[in-house]
Amino acid sequence: MSDQIAAAKASEQAASRAALIKLVFFAATLIILPISSYFFTEKYVWSGNSNYAAITAICAANIVLIAYIVVSVMEDKQSFKDAEEKKISETKKER
């Protein structure tokens, strides 16, 4: 019984660690990508036009946010699928 509890705690810690890593990755990307895209496009793409560079930075920030939402939804669907499979396997064991 204690082996099962230890395994459950280990999987919870791994899941929380993965969520934290994902959050830090997207937070860093949300900081770095818009700022770097602003300065890069202002200097090399839009030839000093800061309005277009700001629009590019806004688009980059929105892309990161959309990517985070998509990854979160996909992960949530996977966890529901795993939970359903576990529930089905437990009901089959009871039979």
PDB file of N, CA and C in Angstrom:
ATOM      1  N   MET A   1       0.809  -1.176   0.000  1.00  0.00           N
ATOM      2  CA  MET A   1       0.000   0.000   0.000  1.00  0.00           C
ATOM      3  C   MET A   1       0.867   1.260   0.000  1.00  0.00           C
ATOM      4  N   SER A   2       1.939   1.271   0.783  1.00  0.00           N
ATOM      5  CA  SER A   2       2.802   2.445   0.847  1.00  0.00           C
ATOM      6  C   SER A   2       3.537   2.661  -0.478  1.00  0.00           C
ATOM      7  N   ASP A   3       3.764   1.583  -1.236  1.00  0.00           N
ATOM      8  CA  ASP A   3       4.380   1.719  -2.552  1.00  0.00           C
ATOM      9  C   ASP A   3       3.468   2.496  -3.496  1.00  0.00           C
ATOM     10  N   GLN A   4       2.171   2.235  -3.392  1.00  0.00           N
ATOM     11  CA  GLN A   4       1.217   2.939  -4.234  1.00  0.00           C
ATOM     12  C   GLN A   4       1.152   4.419  -3.864  1.00  0.00           C
ATOM     13  N   ILE A   5       1.213   4.721  -2.595  1.00  0.00           N
ATOM     14  CA  ILE A   5       1.189   6.111  -2.143  1.00  0.00           C
ATOM     15  C   ILE A   5       2.449   6.832  -2.598  1.00  0.00           C
ATOM     16  N   ALA A   6       3.584   6.170  -2.488  1.00  0.00           N
ATOM     17  CA  ALA A   6       4.842   6.774  -2.924  1.00  0.00           C
ATOM     18  C   ALA A   6       4.830   7.017  -4.427  1.00  0.00           C
ATOM     19  N   ALA A   7       4.291   6.082  -5.186  1.00  0.00           N
ATOM     20  CA  ALA A   7       4.217   6.245  -6.635  1.00  0.00           C
ATOM     21  C   ALA A   7       3.282   7.392  -7.004  1.00  0.00           C
ATOM     22  N   ALA A   8       2.178   7.522  -6.279  1.00  0.00           N
ATOM     23  CA  ALA A   8       1.232   8.615  -6.551  1.00  0.00           C
ATOM     24  C   ALA A   8       1.858   9.964  -6.246  1.00  0.00           C
ATOM     25  N   LYS A   9       2.588  10.047  -5.134  1.00  0.00           N
ATOM     26  CA  LYS A   9       3.253  11.304  -4.783  1.00  0.00           C
ATOM     27  C   LYS A   9       4.329  11.656  -5.806  1.00  0.00           C
ATOM     28  N   ALA A  10       5.061  10.659  -6.270  1.00  0.00           N
ATOM     29  CA  ALA A  10       6.113  10.898  -7.258  1.00  0.00           C
ATOM     30  C   ALA A  10       5.521  11.388  -8.567  1.00  0.00           C
ATOM     31  N   SER A  11       4.393  10.814  -8.982  1.00  0.00           N
ATOM     32  CA  SER A  11       3.781  11.255 -10.233  1.00  0.00           C
ATOM     33  C   SER A  11       3.201  12.657 -10.087  1.00  0.00           C
ATOM     34  N   GLU A  12       2.668  12.988  -8.912  1.00  0.00           N
ATOM     35  CA  GLU A  12       2.162  14.348  -8.678  1.00  0.00           C
ATOM     36  C   GLU A  12       3.296  15.361  -8.708  1.00  0.00           C
ATOM     37  N   GLN A  13       4.440  15.018  -8.117  1.00  0.00           N
ATOM     38  CA  GLN A  13       5.585  15.919  -8.133  1.00  0.00           C
ATOM     39  C   GLN A  13       6.112  16.100  -9.542  1.00  0.00           C
ATOM     40  N   ALA A  14       6.136  15.035 -10.323  1.00  0.00           N
ATOM     41  CA  ALA A  14       6.598  15.133 -11.707  1.00  0.00           C
ATOM     42  C   ALA A  14       5.648  15.996 -12.527  1.00  0.00           C
ATOM     43  N   ALA A  15       4.357  15.853 -12.290  1.00  0.00           N
ATOM     44  CA  ALA A  15       3.382  16.653 -13.022  1.00  0.00           C
ATOM     45  C   ALA A  15       3.499  18.125 -12.652  1.00  0.00           C
ATOM     46  N   SER A  16       3.673  18.404 -11.369  1.00  0.00           N
ATOM     47  CA  SER A  16       3.809  19.802 -10.962  1.00  0.00           C
ATOM     48  C   SER A  16       5.127  20.393 -11.454  1.00  0.00           C
ATOM     49  N   ARG A  17       6.176  19.583 -11.502  1.00  0.00           N
ATOM     50  CA  ARG A  17       7.454  20.053 -12.026  1.00  0.00           C
ATOM     51  C   ARG A  17       7.334  20.359 -13.514  1.00  0.00           C
ATOM     52  N   ALA A  18       6.645  19.498 -14.254  1.00  0.00           N
ATOM     53  CA  ALA A  18       6.467  19.732 -15.686  1.00  0.00           C
ATOM     54  C   ALA A  18       5.638  20.985 -15.926  1.00  0.00           C
ATOM     55  N   ALA A  19       4.612  21.197 -15.111  1.00  0.00           N
ATOM     56  CA  ALA A  19       3.789  22.399 -15.259  1.00  0.00           C
ATOM     57  C   ALA A  19       4.592  23.653 -14.950  1.00  0.00           C
ATOM     58  N   LEU A  20       5.448  23.583 -13.934  1.00  0.00           N
ATOM     59  CA  LEU A  20       6.278  24.725 -13.585  1.00  0.00           C
ATOM     60  C   LEU A  20       7.284  25.038 -14.687  1.00  0.00           C
ATOM     61  N   ILE A  21       7.890  24.015 -15.240  1.00  0.00           N
ATOM     62  CA  ILE A  21       8.846  24.221 -16.337  1.00  0.00           C
ATOM     63  C   ILE A  21       8.153  24.840 -17.539  1.00  0.00           C
ATOM     64  N   LYS A  22       6.968  24.354 -17.841  1.00  0.00           N
ATOM     65  CA  LYS A  22       6.210  24.901 -18.966  1.00  0.00           C
ATOM     66  C   LYS A  22       5.846  26.362 -18.722  1.00  0.00           C
ATOM     67  N   LEU A  23       5.427  26.678 -17.506  1.00  0.00           N
ATOM     68  CA  LEU A  23       5.066  28.047 -17.168  1.00  0.00           C
ATOM     69  C   LEU A  23       6.269  28.979 -17.265  1.00  0.00           C
ATOM     70  N   VAL A  24       7.418  28.546 -16.758  1.00  0.00           N
ATOM     71  CA  VAL A  24       8.628  29.366 -16.831  1.00  0.00           C
ATOM     72  C   VAL A  24       9.052  29.561 -18.285  1.00  0.00           C
ATOM     73  N   PHE A  25       8.959  28.507 -19.093  1.00  0.00           N
ATOM     74  CA  PHE A  25       9.316  28.619 -20.505  1.00  0.00           C
ATOM     75  C   PHE A  25       8.441  29.645 -21.213  1.00  0.00           C
ATOM     76  N   PHE A  26       7.136  29.549 -21.032  1.00  0.00           N
ATOM     77  CA  PHE A  26       6.250  30.480 -21.715  1.00  0.00           C
ATOM     78  C   PHE A  26       6.373  31.893 -21.154  1.00  0.00           C
ATOM     79  N   ALA A  27       6.644  32.044 -19.867  1.00  0.00           N
ATOM     80  CA  ALA A  27       6.847  33.373 -19.290  1.00  0.00           C
ATOM     81  C   ALA A  27       8.102  34.027 -19.874  1.00  0.00           C
ATOM     82  N   ALA A  28       9.174  33.253 -19.970  1.00  0.00           N
ATOM     83  CA  ALA A  28      10.407  33.787 -20.554  1.00  0.00           C
ATOM     84  C   ALA A  28      10.209  34.131 -22.027  1.00  0.00           C
ATOM     85  N   THR A  29       9.500  33.275 -22.728  1.00  0.00           N
ATOM     86  CA  THR A  29       9.225  33.540 -24.142  1.00  0.00           C
ATOM     87  C   THR A  29       8.362  34.782 -24.303  1.00  0.00           C
ATOM     88  N   LEU A  30       7.409  34.959 -23.396  1.00  0.00           N
ATOM     89  CA  LEU A  30       6.535  36.124 -23.460  1.00  0.00           C
ATOM     90  C   LEU A  30       7.302  37.412 -23.176  1.00  0.00           C
ATOM     91  N   ILE A  31       8.375  37.323 -22.428  1.00  0.00           N
ATOM     92  CA  ILE A  31       9.204  38.501 -22.160  1.00  0.00           C
ATOM     93  C   ILE A  31      10.169  38.759 -23.313  1.00  0.00           C
ATOM     94  N   ILE A  32      10.856  37.726 -23.751  1.00  0.00           N
ATOM     95  CA  ILE A  32      11.952  37.891 -24.710  1.00  0.00           C
ATOM     96  C   ILE A  32      11.470  38.116 -26.133  1.00  0.00           C
ATOM     97  N   LEU A  33      10.503  37.327 -26.599  1.00  0.00           N
ATOM     98  CA  LEU A  33      10.106  37.369 -28.008  1.00  0.00           C
ATOM     99  C   LEU A  33       9.532  38.723 -28.441  1.00  0.00           C
ATOM    100  N   PRO A  34       8.597  39.323 -27.727  1.00  0.00           N
ATOM    101  CA  PRO A  34       8.083  40.618 -28.196  1.00  0.00           C
ATOM    102  C   PRO A  34       9.135  41.731 -28.192  1.00  0.00           C
ATOM    103  N   ILE A  35       9.969  41.759 -27.163  1.00  0.00           N
ATOM    104  CA  ILE A  35      10.987  42.816 -27.099  1.00  0.00           C
ATOM    105  C   ILE A  35      12.010  42.646 -28.210  1.00  0.00           C
ATOM    106  N   SER A  36      12.473  41.425 -28.391  1.00  0.00           N
ATOM    107  CA  SER A  36      13.465  41.207 -29.447  1.00  0.00           C
ATOM    108  C   SER A  36      12.862  41.404 -30.829  1.00  0.00           C
ATOM    109  N   SER A  37      11.606  40.991 -31.016  1.00  0.00           N
ATOM    110  CA  SER A  37      10.988  41.198 -32.327  1.00  0.00           C
ATOM    111  C   SER A  37      10.761  42.680 -32.603  1.00  0.00           C
ATOM    112  N   TYR A  38      10.473  43.456 -31.562  1.00  0.00           N
ATOM    113  CA  TYR A  38      10.305  44.902 -31.754  1.00  0.00           C
ATOM    114  C   TYR A  38      11.590  45.531 -32.263  1.00  0.00           C
ATOM    115  N   PHE A  39      12.682  45.305 -31.533  1.00  0.00           N
ATOM    116  CA  PHE A  39      13.936  45.951 -31.917  1.00  0.00           C
ATOM    117  C   PHE A  39      14.496  45.398 -33.222  1.00  0.00           C
ATOM    118  N   PHE A  40      14.351  44.099 -33.450  1.00  0.00           N
ATOM    119  CA  PHE A  40      14.846  43.521 -34.699  1.00  0.00           C
ATOM    120  C   PHE A  40      14.075  44.068 -35.899  1.00  0.00           C
ATOM    121  N   THR A  41      12.747  44.066 -35.818  1.00  0.00           N
ATOM    122  CA  THR A  41      11.972  44.532 -36.962  1.00  0.00           C
ATOM    123  C   THR A  41      12.060  46.042 -37.138  1.00  0.00           C
ATOM    124  N   GLU A  42      12.245  46.781 -36.047  1.00  0.00           N
ATOM    125  CA  GLU A  42      12.396  48.235 -36.192  1.00  0.00           C
ATOM    126  C   GLU A  42      13.672  48.576 -36.948  1.00  0.00           C
ATOM    127  N   LYS A  43      14.723  47.827 -36.665  1.00  0.00           N
ATOM    128  CA  LYS A  43      16.008  48.151 -37.288  1.00  0.00           C
ATOM    129  C   LYS A  43      16.161  47.542 -38.684  1.00  0.00           C
ATOM    130  N   TYR A  44      15.751  46.276 -38.854  1.00  0.00           N
ATOM    131  CA  TYR A  44      16.067  45.576 -40.095  1.00  0.00           C
ATOM    132  C   TYR A  44      14.887  45.408 -41.051  1.00  0.00           C
ATOM    133  N   VAL A  45      13.677  45.378 -40.558  1.00  0.00           N
ATOM    134  CA  VAL A  45      12.535  45.107 -41.434  1.00  0.00           C
ATOM    135  C   VAL A  45      11.795  46.382 -41.808  1.00  0.00           C
ATOM    136  N   TRP A  46      11.455  47.182 -40.799  1.00  0.00           N
ATOM    137  CA  TRP A  46      10.618  48.355 -41.053  1.00  0.00           C
ATOM    138  C   TRP A  46      11.425  49.649 -41.173  1.00  0.00           C
ATOM    139  N   SER A  47      12.719  49.605 -41.165  1.00  0.00           N
ATOM    140  CA  SER A  47      13.606  50.762 -41.386  1.00  0.00           C
ATOM    141  C   SER A  47      13.287  51.930 -40.450  1.00  0.00           C
ATOM    142  N   GLY A  48      13.141  51.654 -39.176  1.00  0.00           N
ATOM    143  CA  GLY A  48      12.957  52.706 -38.195  1.00  0.00           C
ATOM    144  C   GLY A  48      11.522  53.070 -37.889  1.00  0.00           C
ATOM    145  N   ASN A  49      10.556  52.456 -38.529  1.00  0.00           N
ATOM    146  CA  ASN A  49       9.152  52.747 -38.252  1.00  0.00           C
ATOM    147  C   ASN A  49       8.731  51.997 -36.990  1.00  0.00           C
ATOM    148  N   SER A  50       8.589  52.745 -35.904  1.00  0.00           N
ATOM    149  CA  SER A  50       8.302  52.098 -34.627  1.00  0.00           C
ATOM    150  C   SER A  50       6.853  51.635 -34.514  1.00  0.00           C
ATOM    151  N   ASN A  51       5.941  52.212 -35.270  1.00  0.00           N
ATOM    152  CA  ASN A  51       4.541  51.759 -35.225  1.00  0.00           C
ATOM    153  C   ASN A  51       4.418  50.325 -35.745  1.00  0.00           C
ATOM    154  N   TYR A  52       5.025  50.054 -36.881  1.00  0.00           N
ATOM    155  CA  TYR A  52       4.973  48.707 -37.436  1.00  0.00           C
ATOM    156  C   TYR A  52       5.726  47.709 -36.548  1.00  0.00           C
ATOM    157  N   ALA A  53       6.832  48.168 -35.966  1.00  0.00           N
ATOM    158  CA  ALA A  53       7.588  47.299 -35.062  1.00  0.00           C
ATOM    159  C   ALA A  53       6.765  46.964 -33.814  1.00  0.00           C
ATOM    160  N   ALA A  54       6.006  47.933 -33.311  1.00  0.00           N
ATOM    161  CA  ALA A  54       5.150  47.682 -32.147  1.00  0.00           C
ATOM    162  C   ALA A  54       4.042  46.694 -32.506  1.00  0.00           C
ATOM    163  N   ILE A  55       3.471  46.814 -33.684  1.00  0.00           N
ATOM    164  CA  ILE A  55       2.443  45.874 -34.124  1.00  0.00           C
ATOM    165  C   ILE A  55       3.037  44.473 -34.233  1.00  0.00           C
ATOM    166  N   THR A  56       4.262  44.381 -34.728  1.00  0.00           N
ATOM    167  CA  THR A  56       4.937  43.084 -34.811  1.00  0.00           C
ATOM    168  C   THR A  56       5.147  42.491 -33.421  1.00  0.00           C
ATOM    169  N   ALA A  57       5.538  43.313 -32.459  1.00  0.00           N
ATOM    170  CA  ALA A  57       5.737  42.837 -31.089  1.00  0.00           C
ATOM    171  C   ALA A  57       4.417  42.373 -30.473  1.00  0.00           C
ATOM    172  N   ILE A  58       3.343  43.093 -30.751  1.00  0.00           N
ATOM    173  CA  ILE A  58       2.026  42.695 -30.243  1.00  0.00           C
ATOM    174  C   ILE A  58       1.615  41.353 -30.831  1.00  0.00           C
ATOM    175  N   CYS A  59       1.848  41.179 -32.118  1.00  0.00           N
ATOM    176  CA  CYS A  59       1.530  39.896 -32.761  1.00  0.00           C
ATOM    177  C   CYS A  59       2.364  38.763 -32.161  1.00  0.00           C
ATOM    178  N   ALA A  60       3.634  39.023 -31.883  1.00  0.00           N
ATOM    179  CA  ALA A  60       4.493  37.998 -31.283  1.00  0.00           C
ATOM    180  C   ALA A  60       3.992  37.613 -29.896  1.00  0.00           C
ATOM    181  N   ALA A  61       3.572  38.592 -29.097  1.00  0.00           N
ATOM    182  CA  ALA A  61       3.041  38.298 -27.766  1.00  0.00           C
ATOM    183  C   ALA A  61       1.760  37.482 -27.863  1.00  0.00           C
ATOM    184  N   ASN A  62       0.903  37.821 -28.806  1.00  0.00           N
ATOM    185  CA  ASN A  62      -0.340  37.071 -28.975  1.00  0.00           C
ATOM    186  C   ASN A  62      -0.080  35.644 -29.440  1.00  0.00           C
ATOM    187  N   ILE A  63       0.919  35.447 -30.268  1.00  0.00           N
ATOM    188  CA  ILE A  63       1.271  34.098 -30.720  1.00  0.00           C
ATOM    189  C   ILE A  63       1.730  33.241 -29.538  1.00  0.00           C
ATOM    190  N   VAL A  64       2.521  33.820 -28.650  1.00  0.00           N
ATOM    191  CA  VAL A  64       2.974  33.084 -27.470  1.00  0.00           C
ATOM    192  C   VAL A  64       1.791  32.726 -26.581  1.00  0.00           C
ATOM    193  N   LEU A  65       0.884  33.663 -26.371  1.00  0.00           N
ATOM    194  CA  LEU A  65      -0.288  33.391 -25.535  1.00  0.00           C
ATOM    195  C   LEU A  65      -1.176  32.307 -26.141  1.00  0.00           C
ATOM    196  N   ILE A  66      -1.386  32.371 -27.438  1.00  0.00           N
ATOM    197  CA  ILE A  66      -2.197  31.353 -28.115  1.00  0.00           C
ATOM    198  C   ILE A  66      -1.514  29.986 -28.017  1.00  0.00           C
ATOM    199  N   ALA A  67      -0.196  29.958 -28.181  1.00  0.00           N
ATOM    200  CA  ALA A  67       0.538  28.694 -28.067  1.00  0.00           C
ATOM    201  C   ALA A  67       0.400  28.120 -26.663  1.00  0.00           C
ATOM    202  N   TYR A  68       0.445  28.965 -25.631  1.00  0.00           N
ATOM    203  CA  TYR A  68       0.278  28.491 -24.262  1.00  0.00           C
ATOM    204  C   TYR A  68      -1.108  27.907 -24.046  1.00  0.00           C
ATOM    205  N   ILE A  69      -2.120  28.570 -24.579  1.00  0.00           N
ATOM    206  CA  ILE A  69      -3.490  28.080 -24.437  1.00  0.00           C
ATOM    207  C   ILE A  69      -3.655  26.734 -25.134  1.00  0.00           C
ATOM    208  N   VAL A  70      -3.118  26.613 -26.339  1.00  0.00           N
ATOM    209  CA  VAL A  70      -3.239  25.370 -27.100  1.00  0.00           C
ATOM    210  C   VAL A  70      -2.532  24.223 -26.362  1.00  0.00           C
ATOM    211  N   VAL A  71      -1.337  24.475 -25.870  1.00  0.00           N
ATOM    212  CA  VAL A  71      -0.598  23.436 -25.145  1.00  0.00           C
ATOM    213  C   VAL A  71      -1.348  23.035 -23.877  1.00  0.00           C
ATOM    214  N   SER A  72      -1.916  24.002 -23.178  1.00  0.00           N
ATOM    215  CA  SER A  72      -2.665  23.694 -21.955  1.00  0.00           C
ATOM    216  C   SER A  72      -3.911  22.873 -22.244  1.00  0.00           C
ATOM    217  N   VAL A  73      -4.620  23.218 -23.300  1.00  0.00           N
ATOM    218  CA  VAL A  73      -5.827  22.467 -23.655  1.00  0.00           C
ATOM    219  C   VAL A  73      -5.471  21.046 -24.074  1.00  0.00           C
ATOM    220  N   MET A  74      -4.413  20.896 -24.853  1.00  0.00           N
ATOM    221  CA  MET A  74      -3.997  19.558 -25.270  1.00  0.00           C
ATOM    222  C   MET A  74      -3.585  18.717 -24.067  1.00  0.00           C
ATOM    223  N   GLU A  75      -2.877  19.324 -23.112  1.00  0.00           N
ATOM    224  CA  GLU A  75      -2.466  18.608 -21.908  1.00  0.00           C
ATOM    225  C   GLU A  75      -3.684  18.227 -21.065  1.00  0.00           C
ATOM    226  N   ASP A  76      -4.655  19.117 -20.991  1.00  0.00           N
ATOM    227  CA  ASP A  76      -5.865  18.841 -20.223  1.00  0.00           C
ATOM    228  C   ASP A  76      -6.656  17.699 -20.853  1.00  0.00           C
ATOM    229  N   LYS A  77      -6.761  17.695 -22.174  1.00  0.00           N
ATOM    230  CA  LYS A  77      -7.443  16.596 -22.860  1.00  0.00           C
ATOM    231  C   LYS A  77      -6.741  15.273 -22.590  1.00  0.00           C
ATOM    232  N   GLN A  78      -5.416  15.295 -22.592  1.00  0.00           N
ATOM    233  CA  GLN A  78      -4.646  14.079 -22.339  1.00  0.00           C
ATOM    234  C   GLN A  78      -4.879  13.580 -20.919  1.00  0.00           C
ATOM    235  N   SER A  79      -4.945  14.488 -19.963  1.00  0.00           N
ATOM    236  CA  SER A  79      -5.163  14.057 -18.574  1.00  0.00           C
ATOM    237  C   SER A  79      -6.566  13.486 -18.395  1.00  0.00           C
ATOM    238  N   PHE A  80      -7.570  14.071 -19.080  1.00  0.00           N
ATOM    239  CA  PHE A  80      -8.915  13.501 -19.019  1.00  0.00           C
ATOM    240  C   PHE A  80      -8.946  12.116 -19.647  1.00  0.00           C
ATOM    241  N   LYS A  81      -8.234  11.956 -20.757  1.00  0.00           N
ATOM    242  CA  LYS A  81      -8.191  10.661 -21.430  1.00  0.00           C
ATOM    243  C   LYS A  81      -7.529   9.613 -20.535  1.00  0.00           C
ATOM    244  N   ASP A  82      -6.436   9.995 -19.885  1.00  0.00           N
ATOM    245  CA  ASP A  82      -5.760   9.071 -18.975  1.00  0.00           C
ATOM    246  C   ASP A  82      -6.653   8.699 -17.792  1.00  0.00           C
ATOM    247  N   ALA A  83      -7.374   9.680 -17.269  1.00  0.00           N
ATOM    248  CA  ALA A  83      -8.270   9.424 -16.142  1.00  0.00           C
ATOM    249  C   ALA A  83      -9.399   8.475 -16.544  1.00  0.00           C
ATOM    250  N   GLU A  84      -9.942   8.660 -17.750  1.00  0.00           N
ATOM    251  CA  GLU A  84     -11.006   7.776 -18.226  1.00  0.00           C
ATOM    252  C   GLU A  84     -10.499   6.358 -18.440  1.00  0.00           C
ATOM    253  N   GLU A  85      -9.295   6.235 -19.011  1.00  0.00           N
ATOM    254  CA  GLU A  85      -8.717   4.905 -19.215  1.00  0.00           C
ATOM    255  C   GLU A  85      -8.458   4.215 -17.876  1.00  0.00           C
ATOM    256  N   LYS A  86      -8.008   4.964 -16.896  1.00  0.00           N
ATOM    257  CA  LYS A  86      -7.766   4.393 -15.578  1.00  0.00           C
ATOM    258  C   LYS A  86      -9.077   3.961 -14.940  1.00  0.00           C
ATOM    259  N   LYS A  87     -10.103   4.768 -15.118  1.00  0.00           N
ATOM    260  CA  LYS A  87     -11.411   4.434 -14.557  1.00  0.00           C
ATOM    261  C   LYS A  87     -11.981   3.187 -15.220  1.00  0.00           C
ATOM    262  N   ILE A  88     -11.822   3.077 -16.534  1.00  0.00           N
ATOM    263  CA  ILE A  88     -12.311   1.899 -17.262  1.00  0.00           C
ATOM    264  C   ILE A  88     -11.547   0.653 -16.823  1.00  0.00           C
ATOM    265  N   SER A  89     -10.231   0.773 -16.683  1.00  0.00           N
ATOM    266  CA  SER A  89      -9.442  -0.395 -16.272  1.00  0.00           C
ATOM    267  C   SER A  89      -9.789  -0.822 -14.848  1.00  0.00           C
ATOM    268  N   GLU A  90     -10.096   0.130 -13.983  1.00  0.00           N
ATOM    269  CA  GLU A  90     -10.490  -0.228 -12.615  1.00  0.00           C
ATOM    270  C   GLU A  90     -11.831  -0.928 -12.592  1.00  0.00           C
ATOM    271  N   THR A  91     -12.765  -0.493 -13.452  1.00  0.00           N
ATOM    272  CA  THR A  91     -14.066  -1.161 -13.472  1.00  0.00           C
ATOM    273  C   THR A  91     -13.929  -2.564 -14.053  1.00  0.00           C
ATOM    274  N   LYS A  92     -13.025  -2.761 -14.990  1.00  0.00           N
ATOM    275  CA  LYS A  92     -12.812  -4.095 -15.554  1.00  0.00           C
ATOM    276  C   LYS A  92     -12.187  -5.025 -14.512  1.00  0.00           C
ATOM    277  N   LYS A  93     -11.331  -4.478 -13.650  1.00  0.00           N
ATOM    278  CA  LYS A  93     -10.718  -5.290 -12.603  1.00  0.00           C
ATOM    279  C   LYS A  93     -11.743  -5.742 -11.581  1.00  0.00           C
ATOM    280  N   GLU A  94     -12.759  -4.900 -11.332  1.00  0.00           N
ATOM    281  CA  GLU A  94     -13.785  -5.240 -10.344  1.00  0.00           C
ATOM    282  C   GLU A  94     -14.666  -6.379 -10.831  1.00  0.00           C
ATOM    283  N   ARG A  95     -14.796  -6.525 -12.121  1.00  0.00           N
ATOM    284  CA  ARG A  95     -15.652  -7.577 -12.685  1.00  0.00           C
ATOM    285  C   ARG A  95     -14.988  -8.883 -12.463  1.00  0.00           C
TER     286      ARG A  95
END
